[in-house]
Amino acid sequence: ACVDHILVVDDASRDETSVRACAVRDPRLEVIVHEKNLGVGAAIVTGYRRAMQLTRQPRDVFVVMAGGYP
């Protein structure tokens, strides 16, 4: 309830990250896909840039959760 927007940045992964994320039916969810793998830093920048576009008022928190292979 305290989350306004959820961004998933798929950095051209070879798994089904974007497919699985798109399968989640949540109106707060937005999936961004890099056509080419640019690295974790670029994926984080993409997420922050999009998050900043969405803010119409100051936000308390932005949270980054990095994914990876076990």
PDB file of N, CA and C in Angstrom:
ATOM      1  N   ALA A   1       0.809  -1.205   0.000  1.00  0.00           N
ATOM      2  CA  ALA A   1       0.000   0.000   0.000  1.00  0.00           C
ATOM      3  C   ALA A   1       0.848   1.263   0.000  1.00  0.00           C
ATOM      4  N   CYS A   2       2.076   1.160   0.484  1.00  0.00           N
ATOM      5  CA  CYS A   2       2.915   2.362   0.554  1.00  0.00           C
ATOM      6  C   CYS A   2       3.804   2.523  -0.674  1.00  0.00           C
ATOM      7  N   VAL A   3       3.665   1.651  -1.666  1.00  0.00           N
ATOM      8  CA  VAL A   3       4.463   1.729  -2.893  1.00  0.00           C
ATOM      9  C   VAL A   3       3.620   2.337  -4.000  1.00  0.00           C
ATOM     10  N   ASP A   4       4.131   3.418  -4.605  1.00  0.00           N
ATOM     11  CA  ASP A   4       3.408   4.111  -5.667  1.00  0.00           C
ATOM     12  C   ASP A   4       3.645   3.507  -7.049  1.00  0.00           C
ATOM     13  N   HIS A   5       4.878   3.080  -7.307  1.00  0.00           N
ATOM     14  CA  HIS A   5       5.248   2.625  -8.645  1.00  0.00           C
ATOM     15  C   HIS A   5       6.352   1.583  -8.513  1.00  0.00           C
ATOM     16  N   ILE A   6       6.305   0.577  -9.367  1.00  0.00           N
ATOM     17  CA  ILE A   6       7.316  -0.478  -9.371  1.00  0.00           C
ATOM     18  C   ILE A   6       7.920  -0.533 -10.765  1.00  0.00           C
ATOM     19  N   LEU A   7       9.232  -0.373 -10.839  1.00  0.00           N
ATOM     20  CA  LEU A   7       9.943  -0.451 -12.114  1.00  0.00           C
ATOM     21  C   LEU A   7      10.803  -1.706 -12.135  1.00  0.00           C
ATOM     22  N   VAL A   8      10.714  -2.452 -13.211  1.00  0.00           N
ATOM     23  CA  VAL A   8      11.608  -3.582 -13.440  1.00  0.00           C
ATOM     24  C   VAL A   8      12.417  -3.237 -14.678  1.00  0.00           C
ATOM     25  N   VAL A   9      13.739  -3.228 -14.535  1.00  0.00           N
ATOM     26  CA  VAL A   9      14.606  -2.972 -15.680  1.00  0.00           C
ATOM     27  C   VAL A   9      15.278  -4.293 -16.041  1.00  0.00           C
ATOM     28  N   ASP A  10      14.951  -4.804 -17.212  1.00  0.00           N
ATOM     29  CA  ASP A  10      15.535  -6.036 -17.721  1.00  0.00           C
ATOM     30  C   ASP A  10      16.686  -5.645 -18.631  1.00  0.00           C
ATOM     31  N   ASP A  11      17.897  -5.936 -18.192  1.00  0.00           N
ATOM     32  CA  ASP A  11      19.096  -5.534 -18.931  1.00  0.00           C
ATOM     33  C   ASP A  11      19.477  -6.603 -19.953  1.00  0.00           C
ATOM     34  N   ALA A  12      18.540  -6.891 -20.858  1.00  0.00           N
ATOM     35  CA  ALA A  12      18.741  -7.881 -21.923  1.00  0.00           C
ATOM     36  C   ALA A  12      19.115  -9.242 -21.356  1.00  0.00           C
ATOM     37  N   SER A  13      18.462  -9.629 -20.279  1.00  0.00           N
ATOM     38  CA  SER A  13      18.769 -10.920 -19.668  1.00  0.00           C
ATOM     39  C   SER A  13      18.336 -12.056 -20.579  1.00  0.00           C
ATOM     40  N   ARG A  14      18.950 -13.209 -20.380  1.00  0.00           N
ATOM     41  CA  ARG A  14      18.623 -14.375 -21.195  1.00  0.00           C
ATOM     42  C   ARG A  14      17.560 -15.242 -20.532  1.00  0.00           C
ATOM     43  N   ASP A  15      17.177 -14.886 -19.328  1.00  0.00           N
ATOM     44  CA  ASP A  15      16.103 -15.627 -18.667  1.00  0.00           C
ATOM     45  C   ASP A  15      14.769 -14.981 -19.044  1.00  0.00           C
ATOM     46  N   GLU A  16      13.748 -15.238 -18.330  1.00  0.00           N
ATOM     47  CA  GLU A  16      12.430 -14.690 -18.670  1.00  0.00           C
ATOM     48  C   GLU A  16      12.034 -13.539 -17.745  1.00  0.00           C
ATOM     49  N   THR A  17      12.996 -12.705 -17.386  1.00  0.00           N
ATOM     50  CA  THR A  17      12.722 -11.610 -16.456  1.00  0.00           C
ATOM     51  C   THR A  17      11.563 -10.749 -16.910  1.00  0.00           C
ATOM     52  N   SER A  18      11.635 -10.215 -18.107  1.00  0.00           N
ATOM     53  CA  SER A  18      10.584  -9.294 -18.549  1.00  0.00           C
ATOM     54  C   SER A  18       9.265 -10.020 -18.779  1.00  0.00           C
ATOM     55  N   VAL A  19       9.310 -11.241 -19.284  1.00  0.00           N
ATOM     56  CA  VAL A  19       8.084 -12.017 -19.507  1.00  0.00           C
ATOM     57  C   VAL A  19       7.379 -12.281 -18.177  1.00  0.00           C
ATOM     58  N   ARG A  20       8.143 -12.711 -17.186  1.00  0.00           N
ATOM     59  CA  ARG A  20       7.555 -13.000 -15.867  1.00  0.00           C
ATOM     60  C   ARG A  20       7.059 -11.732 -15.188  1.00  0.00           C
ATOM     61  N   ALA A  21       7.822 -10.661 -15.331  1.00  0.00           N
ATOM     62  CA  ALA A  21       7.387  -9.399 -14.723  1.00  0.00           C
ATOM     63  C   ALA A  21       6.097  -8.908 -15.372  1.00  0.00           C
ATOM     64  N   CYS A  22       6.004  -9.003 -16.692  1.00  0.00           N
ATOM     65  CA  CYS A  22       4.800  -8.558 -17.394  1.00  0.00           C
ATOM     66  C   CYS A  22       3.586  -9.412 -17.043  1.00  0.00           C
ATOM     67  N   ALA A  23       3.825 -10.632 -16.603  1.00  0.00           N
ATOM     68  CA  ALA A  23       2.723 -11.511 -16.226  1.00  0.00           C
ATOM     69  C   ALA A  23       2.083 -11.094 -14.902  1.00  0.00           C
ATOM     70  N   VAL A  24       2.769 -10.269 -14.141  1.00  0.00           N
ATOM     71  CA  VAL A  24       2.219  -9.784 -12.869  1.00  0.00           C
ATOM     72  C   VAL A  24       1.207  -8.697 -13.179  1.00  0.00           C
ATOM     73  N   ARG A  25       0.026  -8.884 -12.715  1.00  0.00           N
ATOM     74  CA  ARG A  25      -1.041  -7.916 -12.991  1.00  0.00           C
ATOM     75  C   ARG A  25      -1.129  -6.932 -11.831  1.00  0.00           C
ATOM     76  N   ASP A  26      -0.342  -5.879 -11.945  1.00  0.00           N
ATOM     77  CA  ASP A  26      -0.335  -4.832 -10.924  1.00  0.00           C
ATOM     78  C   ASP A  26      -0.237  -3.503 -11.655  1.00  0.00           C
ATOM     79  N   PRO A  27      -1.202  -2.622 -11.490  1.00  0.00           N
ATOM     80  CA  PRO A  27      -1.186  -1.357 -12.229  1.00  0.00           C
ATOM     81  C   PRO A  27       0.006  -0.462 -11.884  1.00  0.00           C
ATOM     82  N   ARG A  28       0.684  -0.746 -10.790  1.00  0.00           N
ATOM     83  CA  ARG A  28       1.858   0.051 -10.408  1.00  0.00           C
ATOM     84  C   ARG A  28       3.122  -0.391 -11.132  1.00  0.00           C
ATOM     85  N   LEU A  29       3.071  -1.526 -11.815  1.00  0.00           N
ATOM     86  CA  LEU A  29       4.253  -2.136 -12.411  1.00  0.00           C
ATOM     87  C   LEU A  29       4.530  -1.607 -13.809  1.00  0.00           C
ATOM     88  N   GLU A  30       5.789  -1.296 -14.063  1.00  0.00           N
ATOM     89  CA  GLU A  30       6.253  -0.892 -15.393  1.00  0.00           C
ATOM     90  C   GLU A  30       7.535  -1.669 -15.675  1.00  0.00           C
ATOM     91  N   VAL A  31       7.623  -2.263 -16.850  1.00  0.00           N
ATOM     92  CA  VAL A  31       8.796  -3.041 -17.240  1.00  0.00           C
ATOM     93  C   VAL A  31       9.529  -2.306 -18.350  1.00  0.00           C
ATOM     94  N   ILE A  32      10.825  -2.117 -18.162  1.00  0.00           N
ATOM     95  CA  ILE A  32      11.684  -1.483 -19.160  1.00  0.00           C
ATOM     96  C   ILE A  32      12.705  -2.532 -19.592  1.00  0.00           C
ATOM     97  N   VAL A  33      12.878  -2.700 -20.898  1.00  0.00           N
ATOM     98  CA  VAL A  33      13.801  -3.713 -21.408  1.00  0.00           C
ATOM     99  C   VAL A  33      14.914  -3.038 -22.199  1.00  0.00           C
ATOM    100  N   HIS A  34      16.152  -3.317 -21.812  1.00  0.00           N
ATOM    101  CA  HIS A  34      17.300  -2.897 -22.622  1.00  0.00           C
ATOM    102  C   HIS A  34      17.447  -3.900 -23.766  1.00  0.00           C
ATOM    103  N   GLU A  35      17.588  -3.430 -24.966  1.00  0.00           N
ATOM    104  CA  GLU A  35      17.767  -4.310 -26.122  1.00  0.00           C
ATOM    105  C   GLU A  35      19.143  -4.960 -26.108  1.00  0.00           C
ATOM    106  N   LYS A  36      20.118  -4.296 -25.474  1.00  0.00           N
ATOM    107  CA  LYS A  36      21.489  -4.784 -25.389  1.00  0.00           C
ATOM    108  C   LYS A  36      21.898  -4.737 -23.922  1.00  0.00           C
ATOM    109  N   ASN A  37      22.663  -5.723 -23.464  1.00  0.00           N
ATOM    110  CA  ASN A  37      23.129  -5.742 -22.089  1.00  0.00           C
ATOM    111  C   ASN A  37      24.116  -4.597 -21.879  1.00  0.00           C
ATOM    112  N   LEU A  38      23.767  -3.706 -20.971  1.00  0.00           N
ATOM    113  CA  LEU A  38      24.597  -2.531 -20.698  1.00  0.00           C
ATOM    114  C   LEU A  38      25.248  -2.587 -19.321  1.00  0.00           C
ATOM    115  N   GLY A  39      24.894  -3.585 -18.538  1.00  0.00           N
ATOM    116  CA  GLY A  39      25.492  -3.724 -17.212  1.00  0.00           C
ATOM    117  C   GLY A  39      24.591  -3.197 -16.115  1.00  0.00           C
ATOM    118  N   VAL A  40      24.903  -3.631 -14.903  1.00  0.00           N
ATOM    119  CA  VAL A  40      24.057  -3.292 -13.756  1.00  0.00           C
ATOM    120  C   VAL A  40      23.999  -1.783 -13.510  1.00  0.00           C
ATOM    121  N   GLY A  41      25.104  -1.099 -13.699  1.00  0.00           N
ATOM    122  CA  GLY A  41      25.117   0.354 -13.481  1.00  0.00           C
ATOM    123  C   GLY A  41      24.159   1.077 -14.413  1.00  0.00           C
ATOM    124  N   ALA A  42      24.172   0.689 -15.678  1.00  0.00           N
ATOM    125  CA  ALA A  42      23.274   1.309 -16.653  1.00  0.00           C
ATOM    126  C   ALA A  42      21.820   0.980 -16.346  1.00  0.00           C
ATOM    127  N   ALA A  43      21.563  -0.241 -15.894  1.00  0.00           N
ATOM    128  CA  ALA A  43      20.192  -0.610 -15.535  1.00  0.00           C
ATOM    129  C   ALA A  43      19.697   0.233 -14.364  1.00  0.00           C
ATOM    130  N   ILE A  44      20.559   0.470 -13.394  1.00  0.00           N
ATOM    131  CA  ILE A  44      20.177   1.303 -12.252  1.00  0.00           C
ATOM    132  C   ILE A  44      19.926   2.737 -12.697  1.00  0.00           C
ATOM    133  N   VAL A  45      20.778   3.250 -13.562  1.00  0.00           N
ATOM    134  CA  VAL A  45      20.589   4.612 -14.091  1.00  0.00           C
ATOM    135  C   VAL A  45      19.267   4.707 -14.841  1.00  0.00           C
ATOM    136  N   THR A  46      18.969   3.720 -15.670  1.00  0.00           N
ATOM    137  CA  THR A  46      17.693   3.703 -16.403  1.00  0.00           C
ATOM    138  C   THR A  46      16.528   3.772 -15.425  1.00  0.00           C
ATOM    139  N   GLY A  47      16.584   2.967 -14.370  1.00  0.00           N
ATOM    140  CA  GLY A  47      15.517   2.962 -13.375  1.00  0.00           C
ATOM    141  C   GLY A  47      15.367   4.293 -12.673  1.00  0.00           C
ATOM    142  N   TYR A  48      16.489   4.873 -12.250  1.00  0.00           N
ATOM    143  CA  TYR A  48      16.424   6.173 -11.574  1.00  0.00           C
ATOM    144  C   TYR A  48      15.908   7.269 -12.506  1.00  0.00           C
ATOM    145  N   ARG A  49      16.366   7.262 -13.743  1.00  0.00           N
ATOM    146  CA  ARG A  49      15.890   8.292 -14.688  1.00  0.00           C
ATOM    147  C   ARG A  49      14.376   8.193 -14.886  1.00  0.00           C
ATOM    148  N   ARG A  50      13.885   6.976 -15.036  1.00  0.00           N
ATOM    149  CA  ARG A  50      12.435   6.808 -15.204  1.00  0.00           C
ATOM    150  C   ARG A  50      11.701   7.211 -13.933  1.00  0.00           C
ATOM    151  N   ALA A  51      12.238   6.832 -12.795  1.00  0.00           N
ATOM    152  CA  ALA A  51      11.599   7.192 -11.524  1.00  0.00           C
ATOM    153  C   ALA A  51      11.521   8.706 -11.357  1.00  0.00           C
ATOM    154  N   MET A  52      12.557   9.395 -11.760  1.00  0.00           N
ATOM    155  CA  MET A  52      12.553  10.851 -11.645  1.00  0.00           C
ATOM    156  C   MET A  52      11.533  11.480 -12.589  1.00  0.00           C
ATOM    157  N   GLN A  53      11.263  10.854 -13.726  1.00  0.00           N
ATOM    158  CA  GLN A  53      10.238  11.354 -14.648  1.00  0.00           C
ATOM    159  C   GLN A  53       8.849  11.212 -14.048  1.00  0.00           C
ATOM    160  N   LEU A  54       8.678  10.241 -13.192  1.00  0.00           N
ATOM    161  CA  LEU A  54       7.367   9.950 -12.614  1.00  0.00           C
ATOM    162  C   LEU A  54       7.030  10.835 -11.419  1.00  0.00           C
ATOM    163  N   THR A  55       8.022  11.471 -10.847  1.00  0.00           N
ATOM    164  CA  THR A  55       7.772  12.212  -9.617  1.00  0.00           C
ATOM    165  C   THR A  55       7.198  13.591  -9.907  1.00  0.00           C
ATOM    166  N   ARG A  56       6.024  13.799  -9.408  1.00  0.00           N
ATOM    167  CA  ARG A  56       5.380  15.114  -9.519  1.00  0.00           C
ATOM    168  C   ARG A  56       5.518  15.874  -8.213  1.00  0.00           C
ATOM    169  N   GLN A  57       5.921  15.160  -7.204  1.00  0.00           N
ATOM    170  CA  GLN A  57       6.138  15.752  -5.887  1.00  0.00           C
ATOM    171  C   GLN A  57       7.316  15.019  -5.256  1.00  0.00           C
ATOM    172  N   PRO A  58       7.925  15.576  -4.236  1.00  0.00           N
ATOM    173  CA  PRO A  58       9.054  14.896  -3.603  1.00  0.00           C
ATOM    174  C   PRO A  58       8.641  13.520  -3.079  1.00  0.00           C
ATOM    175  N   ARG A  59       9.516  12.563  -3.243  1.00  0.00           N
ATOM    176  CA  ARG A  59       9.290  11.207  -2.745  1.00  0.00           C
ATOM    177  C   ARG A  59      10.203  10.967  -1.564  1.00  0.00           C
ATOM    178  N   ASP A  60       9.757  10.110  -0.685  1.00  0.00           N
ATOM    179  CA  ASP A  60      10.553   9.783   0.487  1.00  0.00           C
ATOM    180  C   ASP A  60      11.696   8.832   0.171  1.00  0.00           C
ATOM    181  N   VAL A  61      11.428   7.847  -0.690  1.00  0.00           N
ATOM    182  CA  VAL A  61      12.400   6.775  -0.887  1.00  0.00           C
ATOM    183  C   VAL A  61      12.327   6.219  -2.306  1.00  0.00           C
ATOM    184  N   PHE A  62      13.492   5.923  -2.857  1.00  0.00           N
ATOM    185  CA  PHE A  62      13.627   5.085  -4.035  1.00  0.00           C
ATOM    186  C   PHE A  62      14.432   3.871  -3.580  1.00  0.00           C
ATOM    187  N   VAL A  63      14.033   2.686  -3.982  1.00  0.00           N
ATOM    188  CA  VAL A  63      14.712   1.471  -3.546  1.00  0.00           C
ATOM    189  C   VAL A  63      15.204   0.708  -4.769  1.00  0.00           C
ATOM    190  N   VAL A  64      16.449   0.248  -4.722  1.00  0.00           N
ATOM    191  CA  VAL A  64      17.021  -0.570  -5.791  1.00  0.00           C
ATOM    192  C   VAL A  64      17.225  -1.974  -5.258  1.00  0.00           C
ATOM    193  N   MET A  65      16.727  -2.926  -6.001  1.00  0.00           N
ATOM    194  CA  MET A  65      16.953  -4.342  -5.673  1.00  0.00           C
ATOM    195  C   MET A  65      17.601  -4.988  -6.882  1.00  0.00           C
ATOM    196  N   ALA A  66      18.860  -5.312  -6.778  1.00  0.00           N
ATOM    197  CA  ALA A  66      19.578  -5.912  -7.897  1.00  0.00           C
ATOM    198  C   ALA A  66      19.278  -7.404  -7.971  1.00  0.00           C
ATOM    199  N   GLY A  67      19.145  -7.893  -9.167  1.00  0.00           N
ATOM    200  CA  GLY A  67      18.939  -9.318  -9.372  1.00  0.00           C
ATOM    201  C   GLY A  67      20.231  -9.959  -9.851  1.00  0.00           C
ATOM    202  N   GLY A  68      20.218 -11.237  -9.944  1.00  0.00           N
ATOM    203  CA  GLY A  68      21.402 -11.939 -10.434  1.00  0.00           C
ATOM    204  C   GLY A  68      21.199 -13.426 -10.356  1.00  0.00           C
ATOM    205  N   TYR A  69      22.172 -14.127 -10.815  1.00  0.00           N
ATOM    206  CA  TYR A  69      22.110 -15.592 -10.789  1.00  0.00           C
ATOM    207  C   TYR A  69      22.672 -16.098  -9.475  1.00  0.00           C
ATOM    208  N   PRO A  70      22.051 -17.156  -8.932  1.00  0.00           N
ATOM    209  CA  PRO A  70      22.566 -17.710  -7.673  1.00  0.00           C
ATOM    210  C   PRO A  70      23.911 -18.367  -7.838  1.00  0.00           C
TER     211      PRO A  70
END
